[in-house]
Amino acid sequence: MRDSEWLQNLGAGDTVAVAAGSGYGSRDRLTTVERFTKTLIITTDGSRFRRSDGRTMGGGYHGQWLERPTQERKDAIRQALLAVQFRHIKWADLPLATLEAVKNLLPKTP
């Protein structure tokens, strides 16, 4: 199914991937279609996308657009979000046992 067909077959309650900016990154996200107007797809987070091509109105270079939420795409979004969450952990504040448990989960480095 082509992307234009996929957009036309979306229904309220469907999950969609939102690509933001260029390439895959931590600004990408998953959301749910809330409703439709004659020309727009409106998601539960209030974002509005054109029904014709799935892009935001006037987004310019850093616009957003809808993509199929394939498992690969969902995994890429989840991975990027987890990487951002790990960046904000105050590792020095964690108990030694927790840090050692995390270390044991990570790949061994030479």
N, C-alpha and C. Protein backbone atom coordinates (compact mmCIF):
# COMPACT_ATOMS: atom_id res chain seq x y z
N MET A 1 0.85 -1.18 0.00
CA MET A 1 0.00 0.00 0.00
C MET A 1 0.89 1.24 0.00
N ARG A 2 0.63 2.13 -0.92
CA ARG A 2 1.39 3.37 -1.00
C ARG A 2 1.03 4.30 0.17
N ASP A 3 1.89 5.28 0.43
CA ASP A 3 1.64 6.20 1.55
C ASP A 3 0.34 6.97 1.38
N SER A 4 0.02 7.37 0.14
CA SER A 4 -1.23 8.13 -0.06
C SER A 4 -2.43 7.24 0.26
N GLU A 5 -2.36 5.96 -0.10
CA GLU A 5 -3.45 5.04 0.25
C GLU A 5 -3.52 4.85 1.76
N TRP A 6 -2.36 4.71 2.38
CA TRP A 6 -2.31 4.53 3.83
C TRP A 6 -2.95 5.72 4.54
N LEU A 7 -2.62 6.94 4.11
CA LEU A 7 -3.22 8.14 4.71
C LEU A 7 -4.73 8.14 4.55
N GLN A 8 -5.21 7.78 3.37
CA GLN A 8 -6.65 7.80 3.12
C GLN A 8 -7.39 6.74 3.93
N ASN A 9 -6.68 5.68 4.33
CA ASN A 9 -7.32 4.59 5.08
C ASN A 9 -7.18 4.74 6.59
N LEU A 10 -6.55 5.82 7.05
CA LEU A 10 -6.43 6.04 8.50
C LEU A 10 -7.81 6.24 9.11
N GLY A 11 -7.95 5.81 10.35
CA GLY A 11 -9.19 6.03 11.06
C GLY A 11 -8.92 6.57 12.45
N ALA A 12 -9.93 7.12 13.08
CA ALA A 12 -9.79 7.60 14.46
C ALA A 12 -9.36 6.43 15.33
N GLY A 13 -8.39 6.68 16.20
CA GLY A 13 -7.88 5.64 17.07
C GLY A 13 -6.63 4.94 16.54
N ASP A 14 -6.28 5.17 15.28
CA ASP A 14 -5.08 4.56 14.71
C ASP A 14 -3.83 5.23 15.25
N THR A 15 -2.80 4.43 15.47
CA THR A 15 -1.50 4.94 15.88
C THR A 15 -0.73 5.36 14.64
N VAL A 16 -0.04 6.50 14.73
CA VAL A 16 0.80 6.99 13.64
C VAL A 16 2.15 7.41 14.20
N ALA A 17 3.17 7.33 13.35
CA ALA A 17 4.49 7.86 13.71
C ALA A 17 4.57 9.28 13.17
N VAL A 18 5.13 10.17 13.95
CA VAL A 18 5.33 11.55 13.52
C VAL A 18 6.83 11.77 13.41
N ALA A 19 7.29 12.06 12.19
CA ALA A 19 8.69 12.38 11.97
C ALA A 19 8.84 13.89 12.10
N ALA A 20 9.86 14.32 12.82
CA ALA A 20 10.06 15.75 13.06
C ALA A 20 11.47 16.14 12.64
N GLY A 21 11.59 17.15 11.80
CA GLY A 21 12.90 17.58 11.36
C GLY A 21 13.42 16.65 10.29
N SER A 22 14.73 16.44 10.29
CA SER A 22 15.32 15.59 9.25
C SER A 22 15.85 14.31 9.87
N GLY A 23 15.53 13.20 9.26
CA GLY A 23 16.01 11.90 9.73
C GLY A 23 15.31 11.43 10.99
N TYR A 24 15.77 10.29 11.50
CA TYR A 24 15.21 9.75 12.73
C TYR A 24 15.91 10.41 13.89
N GLY A 25 15.16 10.83 14.87
CA GLY A 25 15.76 11.49 16.01
C GLY A 25 14.83 11.45 17.19
N SER A 26 15.30 12.01 18.29
CA SER A 26 14.54 11.94 19.53
C SER A 26 13.28 12.80 19.50
N ARG A 27 13.14 13.67 18.49
CA ARG A 27 11.92 14.48 18.39
C ARG A 27 10.79 13.71 17.71
N ASP A 28 11.12 12.58 17.10
CA ASP A 28 10.08 11.75 16.50
C ASP A 28 9.25 11.13 17.62
N ARG A 29 7.99 10.80 17.30
CA ARG A 29 7.12 10.27 18.36
C ARG A 29 5.99 9.46 17.75
N LEU A 30 5.31 8.74 18.62
CA LEU A 30 4.09 8.03 18.24
C LEU A 30 2.92 8.79 18.84
N THR A 31 1.82 8.84 18.12
CA THR A 31 0.61 9.47 18.62
C THR A 31 -0.59 8.76 18.00
N THR A 32 -1.77 9.21 18.36
CA THR A 32 -3.00 8.57 17.92
C THR A 32 -3.87 9.57 17.16
N VAL A 33 -4.49 9.09 16.09
CA VAL A 33 -5.42 9.94 15.33
C VAL A 33 -6.68 10.13 16.19
N GLU A 34 -7.04 11.39 16.39
CA GLU A 34 -8.24 11.70 17.17
C GLU A 34 -9.46 11.86 16.27
N ARG A 35 -9.30 12.70 15.22
CA ARG A 35 -10.44 12.98 14.35
C ARG A 35 -9.94 13.56 13.03
N PHE A 36 -10.88 13.76 12.14
CA PHE A 36 -10.60 14.31 10.81
C PHE A 36 -11.50 15.50 10.53
N THR A 37 -10.99 16.43 9.76
CA THR A 37 -11.83 17.44 9.14
C THR A 37 -11.79 17.16 7.64
N LYS A 38 -12.38 18.01 6.86
CA LYS A 38 -12.36 17.81 5.42
C LYS A 38 -10.94 17.77 4.87
N THR A 39 -10.04 18.57 5.45
CA THR A 39 -8.68 18.67 4.91
C THR A 39 -7.58 18.26 5.89
N LEU A 40 -7.92 17.98 7.15
CA LEU A 40 -6.89 17.73 8.16
C LEU A 40 -7.06 16.40 8.88
N ILE A 41 -5.93 15.90 9.36
CA ILE A 41 -5.88 14.79 10.31
C ILE A 41 -5.43 15.41 11.62
N ILE A 42 -6.21 15.25 12.68
CA ILE A 42 -5.88 15.85 13.98
C ILE A 42 -5.58 14.72 14.95
N THR A 43 -4.43 14.82 15.63
CA THR A 43 -4.00 13.77 16.55
C THR A 43 -4.35 14.16 17.99
N THR A 44 -4.26 13.19 18.89
CA THR A 44 -4.64 13.42 20.28
C THR A 44 -3.74 14.43 20.98
N ASP A 45 -2.55 14.68 20.45
CA ASP A 45 -1.69 15.71 21.06
C ASP A 45 -1.93 17.09 20.45
N GLY A 46 -2.97 17.20 19.60
CA GLY A 46 -3.34 18.50 19.04
C GLY A 46 -2.65 18.87 17.74
N SER A 47 -1.77 18.01 17.26
CA SER A 47 -1.08 18.30 15.99
C SER A 47 -2.06 18.15 14.84
N ARG A 48 -1.80 18.94 13.78
CA ARG A 48 -2.69 18.94 12.61
C ARG A 48 -1.87 18.69 11.36
N PHE A 49 -2.30 17.70 10.58
CA PHE A 49 -1.60 17.30 9.37
C PHE A 49 -2.57 17.32 8.19
N ARG A 50 -2.06 17.69 7.02
CA ARG A 50 -2.89 17.69 5.82
C ARG A 50 -3.27 16.26 5.46
N ARG A 51 -4.52 16.05 5.12
CA ARG A 51 -4.97 14.73 4.69
C ARG A 51 -4.34 14.35 3.35
N SER A 52 -4.03 15.34 2.53
CA SER A 52 -3.52 15.08 1.18
C SER A 52 -2.13 14.44 1.19
N ASP A 53 -1.25 14.89 2.12
CA ASP A 53 0.12 14.37 2.10
C ASP A 53 0.69 14.04 3.48
N GLY A 54 -0.06 14.26 4.55
CA GLY A 54 0.40 13.91 5.89
C GLY A 54 1.40 14.88 6.49
N ARG A 55 1.59 16.03 5.88
CA ARG A 55 2.55 17.03 6.40
C ARG A 55 1.83 18.10 7.19
N THR A 56 2.59 18.76 8.09
CA THR A 56 2.01 19.87 8.84
C THR A 56 1.88 21.08 7.93
N MET A 57 1.03 21.98 8.32
CA MET A 57 0.83 23.21 7.58
C MET A 57 1.99 24.16 7.86
N GLY A 58 2.67 24.65 6.82
CA GLY A 58 3.70 25.66 6.97
C GLY A 58 4.88 25.26 7.83
N GLY A 59 5.22 24.00 7.85
CA GLY A 59 6.31 23.53 8.70
C GLY A 59 7.69 23.92 8.23
N GLY A 60 7.84 24.22 6.94
CA GLY A 60 9.15 24.58 6.41
C GLY A 60 10.13 23.42 6.52
N TYR A 61 11.41 23.75 6.63
CA TYR A 61 12.47 22.74 6.67
C TYR A 61 12.31 21.80 7.86
N HIS A 62 11.88 22.33 8.99
CA HIS A 62 11.76 21.51 10.20
C HIS A 62 10.32 21.08 10.45
N GLY A 63 9.59 20.87 9.38
CA GLY A 63 8.21 20.45 9.51
C GLY A 63 8.08 19.04 10.07
N GLN A 64 6.86 18.61 10.23
CA GLN A 64 6.57 17.27 10.71
C GLN A 64 5.68 16.59 9.70
N TRP A 65 5.73 15.27 9.68
CA TRP A 65 4.89 14.52 8.76
C TRP A 65 4.58 13.15 9.37
N LEU A 66 3.48 12.58 8.90
CA LEU A 66 3.03 11.29 9.38
C LEU A 66 3.72 10.17 8.61
N GLU A 67 4.02 9.10 9.32
CA GLU A 67 4.60 7.91 8.71
C GLU A 67 3.89 6.68 9.25
N ARG A 68 3.98 5.60 8.50
CA ARG A 68 3.43 4.33 8.98
C ARG A 68 4.17 3.90 10.23
N PRO A 69 3.45 3.44 11.23
CA PRO A 69 4.10 3.01 12.48
C PRO A 69 4.53 1.54 12.40
N THR A 70 5.47 1.24 11.50
CA THR A 70 5.97 -0.13 11.41
C THR A 70 6.68 -0.50 12.70
N GLN A 71 6.88 -1.77 12.95
CA GLN A 71 7.59 -2.17 14.16
C GLN A 71 9.00 -1.61 14.18
N GLU A 72 9.66 -1.59 13.03
CA GLU A 72 11.00 -1.02 12.94
C GLU A 72 10.98 0.46 13.33
N ARG A 73 9.97 1.18 12.85
CA ARG A 73 9.85 2.62 13.15
C ARG A 73 9.56 2.84 14.63
N LYS A 74 8.65 2.03 15.19
CA LYS A 74 8.34 2.14 16.62
C LYS A 74 9.58 1.88 17.47
N ASP A 75 10.37 0.87 17.08
CA ASP A 75 11.58 0.54 17.83
C ASP A 75 12.60 1.68 17.75
N ALA A 76 12.74 2.30 16.57
CA ALA A 76 13.69 3.41 16.42
C ALA A 76 13.29 4.60 17.29
N ILE A 77 12.00 4.89 17.34
CA ILE A 77 11.51 5.99 18.18
C ILE A 77 11.75 5.68 19.64
N ARG A 78 11.43 4.47 20.06
CA ARG A 78 11.62 4.06 21.46
C ARG A 78 13.09 4.11 21.85
N GLN A 79 13.97 3.65 20.96
CA GLN A 79 15.40 3.67 21.23
C GLN A 79 15.90 5.10 21.42
N ALA A 80 15.47 6.01 20.54
CA ALA A 80 15.89 7.41 20.65
C ALA A 80 15.38 8.04 21.94
N LEU A 81 14.14 7.74 22.31
CA LEU A 81 13.58 8.31 23.55
C LEU A 81 14.31 7.76 24.78
N LEU A 82 14.64 6.48 24.77
CA LEU A 82 15.39 5.91 25.90
C LEU A 82 16.77 6.53 26.00
N ALA A 83 17.43 6.75 24.87
CA ALA A 83 18.75 7.37 24.89
C ALA A 83 18.69 8.76 25.53
N VAL A 84 17.64 9.52 25.23
CA VAL A 84 17.47 10.84 25.83
C VAL A 84 17.24 10.71 27.33
N GLN A 85 16.40 9.75 27.72
CA GLN A 85 16.14 9.56 29.16
C GLN A 85 17.41 9.19 29.91
N PHE A 86 18.24 8.33 29.32
CA PHE A 86 19.48 7.94 29.98
C PHE A 86 20.45 9.11 30.11
N ARG A 87 20.39 10.04 29.17
CA ARG A 87 21.27 11.22 29.25
C ARG A 87 20.97 12.07 30.49
N HIS A 88 19.73 12.02 30.96
CA HIS A 88 19.32 12.88 32.07
C HIS A 88 19.40 12.21 33.44
N ILE A 89 19.85 10.97 33.48
CA ILE A 89 19.97 10.28 34.76
C ILE A 89 21.18 10.83 35.51
N LYS A 90 21.01 11.09 36.78
CA LYS A 90 22.12 11.53 37.63
C LYS A 90 22.79 10.27 38.19
N TRP A 91 23.69 9.72 37.39
CA TRP A 91 24.30 8.43 37.71
C TRP A 91 25.00 8.44 39.06
N ALA A 92 25.63 9.54 39.42
CA ALA A 92 26.36 9.62 40.69
C ALA A 92 25.44 9.51 41.90
N ASP A 93 24.17 9.78 41.73
CA ASP A 93 23.22 9.71 42.84
C ASP A 93 22.66 8.31 43.07
N LEU A 94 22.93 7.38 42.15
CA LEU A 94 22.39 6.03 42.27
C LEU A 94 23.24 5.19 43.22
N PRO A 95 22.61 4.25 43.91
CA PRO A 95 23.37 3.37 44.80
C PRO A 95 24.37 2.52 44.00
N LEU A 96 25.44 2.14 44.65
CA LEU A 96 26.49 1.34 44.02
C LEU A 96 25.92 0.05 43.44
N ALA A 97 25.04 -0.62 44.14
CA ALA A 97 24.48 -1.88 43.66
C ALA A 97 23.71 -1.68 42.35
N THR A 98 23.01 -0.56 42.23
CA THR A 98 22.28 -0.26 41.00
C THR A 98 23.24 -0.02 39.85
N LEU A 99 24.29 0.75 40.10
CA LEU A 99 25.28 1.03 39.06
C LEU A 99 25.98 -0.26 38.61
N GLU A 100 26.29 -1.14 39.55
CA GLU A 100 26.93 -2.40 39.19
C GLU A 100 25.98 -3.28 38.37
N ALA A 101 24.70 -3.27 38.71
CA ALA A 101 23.72 -4.05 37.96
C ALA A 101 23.60 -3.52 36.52
N VAL A 102 23.60 -2.20 36.37
CA VAL A 102 23.53 -1.60 35.04
C VAL A 102 24.79 -1.94 34.26
N LYS A 103 25.92 -1.84 34.90
CA LYS A 103 27.21 -2.16 34.23
C LYS A 103 27.20 -3.59 33.70
N ASN A 104 26.64 -4.50 34.46
CA ASN A 104 26.61 -5.91 34.06
C ASN A 104 25.68 -6.14 32.86
N LEU A 105 24.76 -5.24 32.62
CA LEU A 105 23.87 -5.36 31.47
C LEU A 105 24.50 -4.82 30.19
N LEU A 106 25.50 -3.98 30.32
CA LEU A 106 26.12 -3.33 29.16
C LEU A 106 27.14 -4.24 28.51
N PRO A 107 27.40 -4.03 27.21
CA PRO A 107 28.42 -4.81 26.54
C PRO A 107 29.79 -4.59 27.18
N LYS A 108 30.58 -5.62 27.21
CA LYS A 108 31.93 -5.53 27.79
C LYS A 108 32.81 -4.69 26.86
N THR A 109 33.60 -3.80 27.46
CA THR A 109 34.52 -2.98 26.67
C THR A 109 35.95 -3.44 26.99
N PRO A 110 36.83 -3.36 26.01
CA PRO A 110 38.22 -3.82 26.25
C PRO A 110 38.96 -2.97 27.25
